[in-house]
PDB file of N, CA and C in Angstrom:
ATOM      1  N   SER A   1     120.845 110.860  53.549  1.00  0.00           N
ATOM      2  CA  SER A   1     120.925 110.120  54.590  1.00  0.00           C
ATOM      3  C   SER A   1     121.931 108.953  54.951  1.00  0.00           C
ATOM      4  N   ALA A   2     122.990 109.904  54.858  1.00  0.00           N
ATOM      5  CA  ALA A   2     124.363 109.396  55.149  1.00  0.00           C
ATOM      6  C   ALA A   2     124.464 109.074  56.658  1.00  0.00           C
ATOM      7  N   MET A   3     123.774 110.540  57.802  1.00  0.00           N
ATOM      8  CA  MET A   3     123.932 110.181  58.969  1.00  0.00           C
ATOM      9  C   MET A   3     122.265 110.430  59.272  1.00  0.00           C
ATOM     10  N   LEU A   4     121.938 109.163  59.783  1.00  0.00           N
ATOM     11  CA  LEU A   4     120.668 109.015  60.608  1.00  0.00           C
ATOM     12  C   LEU A   4     120.714 108.854  61.722  1.00  0.00           C
ATOM     13  N   CYS A   5     120.119 109.960  62.646  1.00  0.00           N
ATOM     14  CA  CYS A   5     120.121 110.093  64.229  1.00  0.00           C
ATOM     15  C   CYS A   5     121.739 110.101  64.589  1.00  0.00           C
ATOM     16  N   GLY A   6     122.473 110.750  63.723  1.00  0.00           N
ATOM     17  CA  GLY A   6     123.663 111.537  64.148  1.00  0.00           C
ATOM     18  C   GLY A   6     124.738 110.052  64.210  1.00  0.00           C
ATOM     19  N   CYS A   7     124.323 109.068  63.547  1.00  0.00           N
ATOM     20  CA  CYS A   7     125.045 107.701  63.810  1.00  0.00           C
ATOM     21  C   CYS A   7     125.540 107.269  62.279  1.00  0.00           C
ATOM     22  N   SER A   8     126.609 107.022  62.059  1.00  0.00           N
ATOM     23  CA  SER A   8     127.303 106.571  60.750  1.00  0.00           C
ATOM     24  C   SER A   8     126.731 105.009  60.364  1.00  0.00           C
ATOM     25  N   PRO A   9     126.811 104.747  59.488  1.00  0.00           N
ATOM     26  CA  PRO A   9     126.352 103.231  59.101  1.00  0.00           C
ATOM     27  C   PRO A   9     127.131 101.957  59.653  1.00  0.00           C
ATOM     28  N   MET A  10     128.198 102.484  60.117  1.00  0.00           N
ATOM     29  CA  MET A  10     129.262 101.375  60.653  1.00  0.00           C
ATOM     30  C   MET A  10     129.228 101.442  62.090  1.00  0.00           C
ATOM     31  N   ARG A  11     128.337 102.498  63.093  1.00  0.00           N
ATOM     32  CA  ARG A  11     128.365 102.279  64.297  1.00  0.00           C
ATOM     33  C   ARG A  11     126.903 102.076  64.213  1.00  0.00           C
ATOM     34  N   ARG A  12     125.974 102.221  63.448  1.00  0.00           N
ATOM     35  CA  ARG A  12     124.492 101.214  63.644  1.00  0.00           C
ATOM     36  C   ARG A  12     124.584  99.806  63.664  1.00  0.00           C
ATOM     37  N   LEU A  13     125.666  99.354  62.197  1.00  0.00           N
ATOM     38  CA  LEU A  13     125.731  98.177  62.281  1.00  0.00           C
ATOM     39  C   LEU A  13     126.580  97.362  63.525  1.00  0.00           C
ATOM     40  N   ILE A  14     127.407  98.100  64.200  1.00  0.00           N
ATOM     41  CA  ILE A  14     127.852  97.479  65.557  1.00  0.00           C
ATOM     42  C   ILE A  14     127.014  97.598  66.486  1.00  0.00           C
ATOM     43  N   PHE A  15     125.952  98.458  66.608  1.00  0.00           N
ATOM     44  CA  PHE A  15     125.030  98.631  67.891  1.00  0.00           C
ATOM     45  C   PHE A  15     124.152  97.676  67.533  1.00  0.00           C
ATOM     46  N   TRP A  16     123.564  97.274  66.212  1.00  0.00           N
ATOM     47  CA  TRP A  16     122.555  96.472  65.961  1.00  0.00           C
ATOM     48  C   TRP A  16     123.204  94.790  66.184  1.00  0.00           C
ATOM     49  N   SER A  17     124.384  94.536  66.181  1.00  0.00           N
ATOM     50  CA  SER A  17     124.953  93.572  65.843  1.00  0.00           C
ATOM     51  C   SER A  17     125.396  93.052  67.380  1.00  0.00           C
ATOM     52  N   TRP A  18     125.633  93.791  68.253  1.00  0.00           N
ATOM     53  CA  TRP A  18     125.868  93.768  69.694  1.00  0.00           C
ATOM     54  C   TRP A  18     124.443  93.394  70.301  1.00  0.00           C
ATOM     55  N   ALA A  19     123.323  94.123  69.767  1.00  0.00           N
ATOM     56  CA  ALA A  19     121.920  94.112  70.498  1.00  0.00           C
ATOM     57  C   ALA A  19     121.393  92.621  70.002  1.00  0.00           C
ATOM     58  N   LEU A  20     122.019  92.145  68.994  1.00  0.00           N
ATOM     59  CA  LEU A  20     121.299  90.560  68.629  1.00  0.00           C
ATOM     60  C   LEU A  20     122.019  89.589  69.471  1.00  0.00           C
ATOM     61  N   LEU A  21     123.400  89.936  69.385  1.00  0.00           N
ATOM     62  CA  LEU A  21     124.205  88.671  70.078  1.00  0.00           C
ATOM     63  C   LEU A  21     124.009  88.603  71.511  1.00  0.00           C
ATOM     64  N   TRP A  22     123.562  89.991  72.195  1.00  0.00           N
ATOM     65  CA  TRP A  22     123.082  89.819  73.731  1.00  0.00           C
ATOM     66  C   TRP A  22     121.848  89.232  73.798  1.00  0.00           C
ATOM     67  N   ASN A  23     120.980  89.634  73.296  1.00  0.00           N
ATOM     68  CA  ASN A  23     119.674  88.856  72.833  1.00  0.00           C
ATOM     69  C   ASN A  23     119.989  87.616  72.892  1.00  0.00           C
ATOM     70  N   ALA A  24     120.631  87.216  71.844  1.00  0.00           N
ATOM     71  CA  ALA A  24     120.713  85.561  71.733  1.00  0.00           C
ATOM     72  C   ALA A  24     121.439  84.764  72.587  1.00  0.00           C
ATOM     73  N   GLY A  25     122.421  85.668  73.357  1.00  0.00           N
ATOM     74  CA  GLY A  25     122.898  85.191  74.733  1.00  0.00           C
ATOM     75  C   GLY A  25     121.715  84.955  75.847  1.00  0.00           C
ATOM     76  N   LEU A  26     121.033  85.945  75.984  1.00  0.00           N
ATOM     77  CA  LEU A  26     119.733  85.499  76.978  1.00  0.00           C
ATOM     78  C   LEU A  26     119.232  84.891  76.581  1.00  0.00           C
ATOM     79  N   VAL A  27     118.631  84.770  75.107  1.00  0.00           N
ATOM     80  CA  VAL A  27     117.518  83.398  74.854  1.00  0.00           C
ATOM     81  C   VAL A  27     118.534  82.197  75.296  1.00  0.00           C
ATOM     82  N   PHE A  28     119.461  81.916  74.972  1.00  0.00           N
ATOM     83  CA  PHE A  28     120.519  80.550  75.274  1.00  0.00           C
ATOM     84  C   PHE A  28     120.430  80.508  76.511  1.00  0.00           C
ATOM     85  N   MET A  29     120.631  81.514  77.665  1.00  0.00           N
ATOM     86  CA  MET A  29     120.782  81.265  79.179  1.00  0.00           C
ATOM     87  C   MET A  29     119.499  80.670  79.464  1.00  0.00           C
ATOM     88  N   TRP A  30     118.323  81.493  78.843  1.00  0.00           N
ATOM     89  CA  TRP A  30     116.969  80.885  79.482  1.00  0.00           C
ATOM     90  C   TRP A  30     116.703  79.702  79.074  1.00  0.00           C
ATOM     91  N   HIS A  31     117.207  79.345  77.933  1.00  0.00           N
ATOM     92  CA  HIS A  31     116.368  77.810  77.698  1.00  0.00           C
ATOM     93  C   HIS A  31     117.172  76.813  78.215  1.00  0.00           C
ATOM     94  N   GLU A  32     118.762  77.036  78.541  1.00  0.00           N
ATOM     95  CA  GLU A  32     119.517  76.062  79.539  1.00  0.00           C
ATOM     96  C   GLU A  32     119.340  76.229  81.122  1.00  0.00           C
ATOM     97  N   GLY A  33     118.340  77.151  81.389  1.00  0.00           N
ATOM     98  CA  GLY A  33     117.966  77.084  82.868  1.00  0.00           C
ATOM     99  C   GLY A  33     118.719  78.086  83.802  1.00  0.00           C
ATOM    100  N   VAL A  34     119.751  79.042  83.013  1.00  0.00           N
ATOM    101  CA  VAL A  34     120.533  79.668  84.073  1.00  0.00           C
ATOM    102  C   VAL A  34     120.015  80.767  84.524  1.00  0.00           C
ATOM    103  N   LEU A  35     119.086  81.476  83.785  1.00  0.00           N
ATOM    104  CA  LEU A  35     118.244  82.926  84.467  1.00  0.00           C
ATOM    105  C   LEU A  35     117.311  82.688  85.187  1.00  0.00           C
ATOM    106  N   GLN A  36     116.737  81.434  85.457  1.00  0.00           N
ATOM    107  CA  GLN A  36     115.579  81.320  85.980  1.00  0.00           C
ATOM    108  C   GLN A  36     115.814  81.419  87.569  1.00  0.00           C
ATOM    109  N   PRO A  37     116.681  81.154  88.131  1.00  0.00           N
ATOM    110  CA  PRO A  37     116.729  81.410  89.576  1.00  0.00           C
ATOM    111  C   PRO A  37     117.360  82.746  89.981  1.00  0.00           C
ATOM    112  N   TYR A  38     117.886  83.504  88.899  1.00  0.00           N
ATOM    113  CA  TYR A  38     117.908  85.035  89.261  1.00  0.00           C
ATOM    114  C   TYR A  38     116.810  85.603  89.185  1.00  0.00           C
ATOM    115  N   ALA A  39     115.869  85.275  88.004  1.00  0.00           N
ATOM    116  CA  ALA A  39     114.797  85.957  87.671  1.00  0.00           C
ATOM    117  C   ALA A  39     113.692  85.694  89.187  1.00  0.00           C
ATOM    118  N   ARG A  40     113.828  84.487  89.540  1.00  0.00           N
ATOM    119  CA  ARG A  40     112.911  83.973  90.963  1.00  0.00           C
ATOM    120  C   ARG A  40     113.353  84.878  91.923  1.00  0.00           C
ATOM    121  N   GLN A  41     114.831  85.393  92.135  1.00  0.00           N
ATOM    122  CA  GLN A  41     114.885  86.138  93.160  1.00  0.00           C
ATOM    123  C   GLN A  41     114.898  87.507  92.860  1.00  0.00           C
ATOM    124  N   LEU A  42     114.959  87.914  91.496  1.00  0.00           N
ATOM    125  CA  LEU A  42     114.384  89.300  91.457  1.00  0.00           C
ATOM    126  C   LEU A  42     112.921  89.473  91.913  1.00  0.00           C
ATOM    127  N   VAL A  43     112.130  88.538  91.391  1.00  0.00           N
ATOM    128  CA  VAL A  43     110.830  88.730  91.490  1.00  0.00           C
ATOM    129  C   VAL A  43     110.584  88.673  93.052  1.00  0.00           C
ATOM    130  N   LEU A  44     111.087  87.839  93.722  1.00  0.00           N
ATOM    131  CA  LEU A  44     110.721  87.880  95.080  1.00  0.00           C
ATOM    132  C   LEU A  44     111.354  89.061  95.792  1.00  0.00           C
ATOM    133  N   PHE A  45     112.281  89.571  95.243  1.00  0.00           N
ATOM    134  CA  PHE A  45     112.833  90.716  96.020  1.00  0.00           C
ATOM    135  C   PHE A  45     111.684  91.976  95.717  1.00  0.00           C
ATOM    136  N   LEU A  46     111.395  92.033  94.285  1.00  0.00           N
ATOM    137  CA  LEU A  46     110.327  93.263  93.849  1.00  0.00           C
ATOM    138  C   LEU A  46     109.309  93.117  94.822  1.00  0.00           C
ATOM    139  N   MET A  47     108.598  91.834  95.054  1.00  0.00           N
ATOM    140  CA  MET A  47     107.489  91.621  96.021  1.00  0.00           C
ATOM    141  C   MET A  47     107.613  91.993  97.313  1.00  0.00           C
ATOM    142  N   PHE A  48     108.606  91.593  97.734  1.00  0.00           N
ATOM    143  CA  PHE A  48     109.109  92.187  98.999  1.00  0.00           C
ATOM    144  C   PHE A  48     109.313  93.962  99.299  1.00  0.00           C
ATOM    145  N   ALA A  49     109.741  94.342  98.388  1.00  0.00           N
ATOM    146  CA  ALA A  49     109.661  95.718  98.082  1.00  0.00           C
ATOM    147  C   ALA A  49     108.634  96.297  97.963  1.00  0.00           C
ATOM    148  N   LEU A  50     107.727  95.812  97.089  1.00  0.00           N
ATOM    149  CA  LEU A  50     106.242  96.375  96.766  1.00  0.00           C
ATOM    150  C   LEU A  50     105.522  96.050  98.269  1.00  0.00           C
ATOM    151  N   VAL A  51     105.527  95.420  99.069  1.00  0.00           N
ATOM    152  CA  VAL A  51     104.664  95.093 100.365  1.00  0.00           C
ATOM    153  C   VAL A  51     105.425  96.263 101.090  1.00  0.00           C
ATOM    154  N   VAL A  52     106.750  96.483 101.471  1.00  0.00           N
ATOM    155  CA  VAL A  52     107.441  97.202 102.240  1.00  0.00           C
ATOM    156  C   VAL A  52     106.870  98.824 101.833  1.00  0.00           C
ATOM    157  N   VAL A  53     106.873  99.234 100.730  1.00  0.00           N
ATOM    158  CA  VAL A  53     106.190 100.289  99.976  1.00  0.00           C
ATOM    159  C   VAL A  53     105.179 100.699 100.341  1.00  0.00           C
ATOM    160  N   MET A  54     104.163  99.386 100.173  1.00  0.00           N
ATOM    161  CA  MET A  54     102.724  99.864 100.280  1.00  0.00           C
ATOM    162  C   MET A  54     102.407  99.724 101.811  1.00  0.00           C
ATOM    163  N   ALA A  55     102.947  99.351 102.980  1.00  0.00           N
ATOM    164  CA  ALA A  55     103.291  99.139 104.306  1.00  0.00           C
ATOM    165  C   ALA A  55     103.520 100.658 104.648  1.00  0.00           C
ATOM    166  N   LEU A  56     104.522 101.226 104.227  1.00  0.00           N
ATOM    167  CA  LEU A  56     104.852 102.553 104.416  1.00  0.00           C
ATOM    168  C   LEU A  56     103.938 103.598 103.681  1.00  0.00           C
ATOM    169  N   GLY A  57     103.041 103.362 102.549  1.00  0.00           N
ATOM    170  CA  GLY A  57     102.177 104.234 102.159  1.00  0.00           C
ATOM    171  C   GLY A  57     101.121 104.244 102.942  1.00  0.00           C
ATOM    172  N   LEU A  58     100.393 102.975 103.647  1.00  0.00           N
ATOM    173  CA  LEU A  58      99.502 102.409 104.412  1.00  0.00           C
ATOM    174  C   LEU A  58      99.719 103.584 105.782  1.00  0.00           C
ATOM    175  N   CYS A  59     100.899 103.417 106.262  1.00  0.00           N
ATOM    176  CA  CYS A  59     101.389 104.323 107.777  1.00  0.00           C
ATOM    177  C   CYS A  59     101.018 105.797 107.375  1.00  0.00           C
ATOM    178  N   LEU A  60     101.479 106.304 106.073  1.00  0.00           N
ATOM    179  CA  LEU A  60     101.758 107.349 105.833  1.00  0.00           C
ATOM    180  C   LEU A  60     100.190 107.778 105.594  1.00  0.00           C
ATOM    181  N   LEU A  61      99.762 107.364 104.974  1.00  0.00           N
ATOM    182  CA  LEU A  61      98.096 107.870 105.070  1.00  0.00           C
ATOM    183  C   LEU A  61      97.182 107.755 106.044  1.00  0.00           C
ATOM    184  N   GLU A  62      97.779 106.775 107.301  1.00  0.00           N
ATOM    185  CA  GLU A  62      96.997 106.883 108.398  1.00  0.00           C
ATOM    186  C   GLU A  62      97.359 108.296 109.293  1.00  0.00           C
ATOM    187  N   VAL A  63      98.515 108.495 109.254  1.00  0.00           N
ATOM    188  CA  VAL A  63      99.236 109.777 109.957  1.00  0.00           C
ATOM    189  C   VAL A  63      98.465 110.894 109.151  1.00  0.00           C
ATOM    190  N   GLY A  64      98.209 110.802 107.729  1.00  0.00           N
ATOM    191  CA  GLY A  64      97.869 112.116 107.270  1.00  0.00           C
ATOM    192  C   GLY A  64      96.597 112.305 107.559  1.00  0.00           C
ATOM    193  N   LEU A  65      95.594 111.035 107.571  1.00  0.00           N
ATOM    194  CA  LEU A  65      94.218 111.527 108.103  1.00  0.00           C
ATOM    195  C   LEU A  65      94.090 111.597 109.630  1.00  0.00           C
ATOM    196  N   GLU A  66      94.704 111.038 110.369  1.00  0.00           N
ATOM    197  CA  GLU A  66      94.965 111.530 111.737  1.00  0.00           C
ATOM    198  C   GLU A  66      95.010 112.921 111.929  1.00  0.00           C
ATOM    199  N   ALA A  67      96.286 113.499 111.223  1.00  0.00           N
ATOM    200  CA  ALA A  67      96.349 114.877 111.053  1.00  0.00           C
ATOM    201  C   ALA A  67      95.395 115.798 110.662  1.00  0.00           C
ATOM    202  N   ARG A  68      94.856 115.324 109.759  1.00  0.00           N
ATOM    203  CA  ARG A  68      93.761 116.080 108.681  1.00  0.00           C
ATOM    204  C   ARG A  68      92.448 116.324 110.124  1.00  0.00           C
ATOM    205  N   ASP A  69      92.074 115.283 110.855  1.00  0.00           N
ATOM    206  CA  ASP A  69      91.071 115.104 111.709  1.00  0.00           C
ATOM    207  C   ASP A  69      91.329 116.175 112.894  1.00  0.00           C
ATOM    208  N   LYS A  70      92.688 116.375 113.404  1.00  0.00           N
ATOM    209  CA  LYS A  70      92.957 117.000 114.360  1.00  0.00           C
ATOM    210  C   LYS A  70      92.938 118.251 114.012  1.00  0.00           C
ATOM    211  N   PHE A  71      93.583 118.376 112.970  1.00  0.00           N
ATOM    212  CA  PHE A  71      93.434 119.926 112.185  1.00  0.00           C
ATOM    213  C   PHE A  71      92.068 120.167 112.088  1.00  0.00           C
ATOM    214  N   ARG A  72      91.260 119.609 111.607  1.00  0.00           N
ATOM    215  CA  ARG A  72      89.910 120.150 111.406  1.00  0.00           C
ATOM    216  C   ARG A  72      89.246 120.263 112.745  1.00  0.00           C
ATOM    217  N   SER A  73      89.533 119.477 113.916  1.00  0.00           N
ATOM    218  CA  SER A  73      88.648 120.005 115.272  1.00  0.00           C
ATOM    219  C   SER A  73      89.378 121.010 115.470  1.00  0.00           C
ATOM    220  N   SER A  74      90.619 121.225 115.424  1.00  0.00           N
ATOM    221  CA  SER A  74      91.041 122.657 116.174  1.00  0.00           C
ATOM    222  C   SER A  74      90.664 123.839 115.353  1.00  0.00           C
ATOM    223  N   MET A  75      90.447 123.714 114.076  1.00  0.00           N
ATOM    224  CA  MET A  75      89.851 124.942 113.049  1.00  0.00           C
ATOM    225  C   MET A  75      88.467 125.073 113.532  1.00  0.00           C
ATOM    226  N   GLU A  76      87.800 123.986 114.146  1.00  0.00           N
ATOM    227  CA  GLU A  76      86.524 124.093 114.557  1.00  0.00           C
ATOM    228  C   GLU A  76      86.173 124.982 115.731  1.00  0.00           C
ATOM    229  N   VAL A  77      87.120 124.618 116.733  1.00  0.00           N
ATOM    230  CA  VAL A  77      87.371 125.245 118.070  1.00  0.00           C
ATOM    231  C   VAL A  77      87.631 126.872 117.697  1.00  0.00           C
ATOM    232  N   ILE A  78      88.421 126.999 116.713  1.00  0.00           N
ATOM    233  CA  ILE A  78      89.295 128.584 116.696  1.00  0.00           C
ATOM    234  C   ILE A  78      88.130 129.411 115.817  1.00  0.00           C
ATOM    235  N   ASP A  79      87.120 128.827 115.128  1.00  0.00           N
ATOM    236  CA  ASP A  79      86.043 129.019 114.563  1.00  0.00           C
ATOM    237  C   ASP A  79      84.701 129.848 115.403  1.00  0.00           C
ATOM    238  N   TYR A  80      84.608 128.752 116.210  1.00  0.00           N
ATOM    239  CA  TYR A  80      83.627 128.795 117.509  1.00  0.00           C
ATOM    240  C   TYR A  80      84.067 130.069 118.066  1.00  0.00           C
ATOM    241  N   LEU A  81      85.515 130.034 118.510  1.00  0.00           N
ATOM    242  CA  LEU A  81      86.043 131.294 119.376  1.00  0.00           C
ATOM    243  C   LEU A  81      85.762 132.281 118.786  1.00  0.00           C
ATOM    244  N   HIS A  82      86.192 132.265 117.403  1.00  0.00           N
ATOM    245  CA  HIS A  82      86.057 133.619 116.641  1.00  0.00           C
ATOM    246  C   HIS A  82      84.820 134.215 116.358  1.00  0.00           C
ATOM    247  N   GLU A  83      83.608 133.355 116.225  1.00  0.00           N
ATOM    248  CA  GLU A  83      82.231 133.650 116.082  1.00  0.00           C
ATOM    249  C   GLU A  83      81.937 134.321 117.547  1.00  0.00           C
ATOM    250  N   ARG A  84      82.258 133.597 118.593  1.00  0.00           N
ATOM    251  CA  ARG A  84      81.823 134.151 119.958  1.00  0.00           C
ATOM    252  C   ARG A  84      82.265 135.203 120.236  1.00  0.00           C
ATOM    253  N   SER A  85      83.819 135.815 120.222  1.00  0.00           N
ATOM    254  CA  SER A  85      84.823 137.199 120.152  1.00  0.00           C
ATOM    255  C   SER A  85      83.752 137.959 119.122  1.00  0.00           C
ATOM    256  N   ASP A  86      83.295 137.867 118.227  1.00  0.00           N
ATOM    257  CA  ASP A  86      82.569 138.720 117.347  1.00  0.00           C
ATOM    258  C   ASP A  86      81.307 139.196 117.879  1.00  0.00           C
ATOM    259  N   ALA A  87      80.473 138.090 118.430  1.00  0.00           N
ATOM    260  CA  ALA A  87      79.058 138.427 118.972  1.00  0.00           C
ATOM    261  C   ALA A  87      79.289 139.353 120.298  1.00  0.00           C
ATOM    262  N   ILE A  88      80.323 138.692 121.025  1.00  0.00           N
ATOM    263  CA  ILE A  88      80.854 139.670 122.332  1.00  0.00           C
ATOM    264  C   ILE A  88      81.038 141.159 121.884  1.00  0.00           C
ATOM    265  N   LEU A  89      81.968 141.432 121.085  1.00  0.00           N
ATOM    266  CA  LEU A  89      82.492 142.619 120.461  1.00  0.00           C
ATOM    267  C   LEU A  89      81.263 143.386 120.006  1.00  0.00           C
ATOM    268  N   GLY A  90      80.641 142.571 119.163  1.00  0.00           N
ATOM    269  CA  GLY A  90      79.318 143.234 118.456  1.00  0.00           C
ATOM    270  C   GLY A  90      78.404 143.687 119.535  1.00  0.00           C
ATOM    271  N   ALA A  91      78.350 143.107 120.761  1.00  0.00           N
ATOM    272  CA  ALA A  91      77.152 143.237 121.887  1.00  0.00           C
ATOM    273  C   ALA A  91      77.652 144.653 122.620  1.00  0.00           C
ATOM    274  N   MET A  92      79.204 144.648 122.747  1.00  0.00           N
ATOM    275  CA  MET A  92      79.628 146.039 123.221  1.00  0.00           C
ATOM    276  C   MET A  92      79.886 147.249 122.458  1.00  0.00           C
ATOM    277  N   GLY A  93      79.260 147.137 120.996  1.00  0.00           N
ATOM    278  CA  GLY A  93      79.436 148.285 120.364  1.00  0.00           C
ATOM    279  C   GLY A  93      80.572 148.209 119.169  1.00  0.00           C
ATOM    280  N   PHE A  94      81.724 147.611 119.207  1.00  0.00           N
ATOM    281  CA  PHE A  94      82.646 147.480 118.425  1.00  0.00           C
ATOM    282  C   PHE A  94      82.312 147.026 117.092  1.00  0.00           C
ATOM    283  N   GLU A  95      82.880 147.301 116.100  1.00  0.00           N
ATOM    284  CA  GLU A  95      82.502 147.079 114.697  1.00  0.00           C
ATOM    285  C   GLU A  95      83.602 145.831 114.715  1.00  0.00           C
ATOM    286  N   LYS A  96      83.139 145.075 113.285  1.00  0.00           N
ATOM    287  CA  LYS A  96      84.098 144.104 113.044  1.00  0.00           C
ATOM    288  C   LYS A  96      85.284 144.663 112.475  1.00  0.00           C
ATOM    289  N   VAL A  97      86.533 144.166 112.900  1.00  0.00           N
ATOM    290  CA  VAL A  97      87.747 144.964 112.406  1.00  0.00           C
ATOM    291  C   VAL A  97      88.215 143.683 111.207  1.00  0.00           C
ATOM    292  N   MET A  98      88.337 144.232 109.886  1.00  0.00           N
ATOM    293  CA  MET A  98      88.435 143.486 108.795  1.00  0.00           C
ATOM    294  C   MET A  98      90.299 143.482 108.753  1.00  0.00           C
ATOM    295  N   VAL A  99      90.743 142.425 108.634  1.00  0.00           N
ATOM    296  CA  VAL A  99      92.085 142.043 108.418  1.00  0.00           C
ATOM    297  C   VAL A  99      92.520 141.661 107.234  1.00  0.00           C
ATOM    298  N   LEU A 100      93.521 142.384 106.652  1.00  0.00           N
ATOM    299  CA  LEU A 100      93.952 142.430 105.054  1.00  0.00           C
ATOM    300  C   LEU A 100      94.875 141.446 105.460  1.00  0.00           C
ATOM    301  N   PRO A 101      94.953 140.484 104.086  1.00  0.00           N
ATOM    302  CA  PRO A 101      95.958 139.452 104.064  1.00  0.00           C
ATOM    303  C   PRO A 101      97.501 140.221 103.724  1.00  0.00           C
TER     304      PRO A 101
END
C-alpha cells in the first residue's frame, strides 16, 4: 500500500494540504464578503447565457418544425404524383417497375 493511486504519501500530503488551505481561503473570503460580488456576477452571466441558449433553441425548434411541415407537404405531392402515374401506366397496360435500392 506504499503507492495508492500511483501517488506517494508525501505527494498525497501535499495535495490534501493544498486543498485544505484553498478551501479555508475560500471560506474566509466568503465570510469577509469578498466573493459575493463575483458570485452575483457569475450567476447573472449564467442566467443571461441560459436565456440566449434557450432563445436559440426555440428558433432552431421553430425552423425544424417548419422544415418538417414543408417536407411532409412536398412528400404528399410526390406520393400523389406517384400514385397517379402508376394508375395511368396501369391503364395503358404497363406493369409496375420495381426500383431496387
